[in-house]
Amino acid sequence: MTLRLSREKINFLSRIMLDFLFGNDQVEFLDDSNEIRLSIVKSIEEEIKLYNMIDKKAIEKIQSQKKAIEEGSREWEILYRKYYNDEISKLGKLVE
C-alpha cells in the first residue's frame, strides 16, 4: 500500500496550498513565494517517505509471523491495520 505521488502531482498540491495561504489575510510571508512552495514540496515528500516507511514496517511484521498469512486476506488486512496504527502511535509518542 505504498503511497506514490508523481512530481507533477506534488507540485500541483504545493501550488494549491500556496494559493490558499496567499488568500488568507492572516498569513504574512517572509520569504518569496517560490521558496515557500519548495518548502511545501519538501514537506509533502518527507511525509510520503514517512508513511511508506510505516507501511514497510507493518508489512515486515506480517511477514515475520510464524504462520504464512496471504496478502489481501481478511487476517492480513486486520494485522496490517493493527501494525500500521501501532507504528503511527509510536511516532506520535516520539513527537511528544
Protein backbone atom coordinates (compact mmCIF):
# COMPACT_ATOMS: atom_id res chain seq x y z
CA MET A 1 0.00 0.00 0.00
CA THR A 2 2.90 2.29 -0.77
CA LEU A 3 1.90 5.90 -1.26
CA ARG A 4 3.08 7.37 -4.53
CA LEU A 5 2.57 10.80 -6.00
CA SER A 6 4.21 11.96 -9.18
CA ARG A 7 6.41 15.04 -9.10
CA GLU A 8 3.70 16.76 -11.13
CA LYS A 9 1.01 15.99 -8.55
CA ILE A 10 3.23 17.12 -5.68
CA ASN A 11 3.92 20.41 -7.48
CA PHE A 12 0.21 20.82 -8.18
CA LEU A 13 -0.63 20.28 -4.49
CA SER A 14 2.07 22.72 -3.42
CA ARG A 15 0.64 25.42 -5.70
CA ILE A 16 -2.87 24.84 -4.32
CA MET A 17 -1.56 25.15 -0.75
CA LEU A 18 0.42 28.26 -1.59
CA ASP A 19 -2.58 29.87 -3.30
CA PHE A 20 -4.68 29.06 -0.24
CA LEU A 21 -2.13 30.69 2.06
CA PHE A 22 -1.84 33.77 -0.16
CA GLY A 23 -5.63 34.12 0.01
CA ASN A 24 -5.55 34.23 3.81
CA ASP A 25 -5.16 37.75 5.17
CA GLN A 26 -3.88 36.39 8.49
CA VAL A 27 -0.79 34.85 6.88
CA GLU A 28 2.28 37.00 6.38
CA PHE A 29 5.10 35.81 4.14
CA LEU A 30 8.73 36.42 4.99
CA ASP A 31 10.21 34.51 2.02
CA ASP A 32 9.50 34.67 -1.67
CA SER A 33 6.67 32.51 -2.96
CA ASN A 34 8.88 30.02 -4.79
CA GLU A 35 10.93 29.33 -1.64
CA ILE A 36 7.72 28.71 0.27
CA ARG A 37 6.41 26.43 -2.48
CA LEU A 38 9.66 24.45 -2.45
CA SER A 39 9.34 24.05 1.33
CA ILE A 40 5.82 22.72 0.84
CA VAL A 41 7.10 20.26 -1.79
CA LYS A 42 9.83 19.07 0.58
CA SER A 43 7.30 18.61 3.40
CA ILE A 44 4.98 16.56 1.19
CA GLU A 45 7.88 14.37 0.04
CA GLU A 46 9.03 13.81 3.64
CA GLU A 47 5.50 12.82 4.70
CA ILE A 48 5.26 10.35 1.83
CA LYS A 49 8.61 8.80 2.82
CA LEU A 50 7.48 8.55 6.43
CA TYR A 51 4.18 6.84 5.61
CA ASN A 52 5.93 4.49 3.16
CA MET A 53 8.39 3.55 5.91
CA ILE A 54 5.49 2.83 8.29
CA ASP A 55 3.80 0.77 5.56
CA LYS A 56 7.00 -1.23 5.06
CA LYS A 57 7.35 -1.90 8.80
CA ALA A 58 3.75 -3.10 9.05
CA ILE A 59 4.24 -5.48 6.12
CA GLU A 60 7.53 -6.77 7.56
CA LYS A 61 5.77 -7.57 10.85
CA ILE A 62 3.11 -9.54 9.00
CA GLN A 63 5.74 -11.42 7.01
CA SER A 64 7.63 -12.27 10.20
CA GLN A 65 4.68 -14.25 11.57
CA LYS A 66 5.31 -17.98 12.06
CA LYS A 67 2.17 -18.73 10.10
CA ALA A 68 2.14 -17.57 6.48
CA ILE A 69 -0.61 -15.02 6.00
CA GLU A 70 -1.86 -14.45 2.48
CA GLU A 71 -1.73 -10.82 1.41
CA GLY A 72 -5.20 -9.46 0.76
CA SER A 73 -6.88 -11.90 3.13
CA ARG A 74 -9.07 -10.61 5.92
CA GLU A 75 -6.46 -11.66 8.50
CA TRP A 76 -3.72 -9.85 6.58
CA GLU A 77 -5.83 -6.68 6.37
CA ILE A 78 -6.61 -6.76 10.11
CA LEU A 79 -2.95 -7.29 11.04
CA TYR A 80 -1.83 -4.61 8.60
CA ARG A 81 -4.17 -2.02 10.13
CA LYS A 82 -3.11 -3.04 13.64
CA TYR A 83 0.63 -2.86 12.91
CA TYR A 84 0.28 0.30 10.84
CA ASN A 85 -1.64 2.03 13.64
CA ASP A 86 0.91 0.76 16.19
CA GLU A 87 3.70 2.39 14.19
CA ILE A 88 1.71 5.63 13.91
CA SER A 89 1.21 5.56 17.70
CA LYS A 90 4.93 5.07 18.29
CA LEU A 91 5.62 8.00 16.03
CA GLY A 92 3.21 10.18 17.99
CA LYS A 93 4.93 9.25 21.24
CA LEU A 94 8.31 10.19 19.78
CA VAL A 95 7.00 13.63 18.83
CA GLU A 96 5.55 14.41 22.27
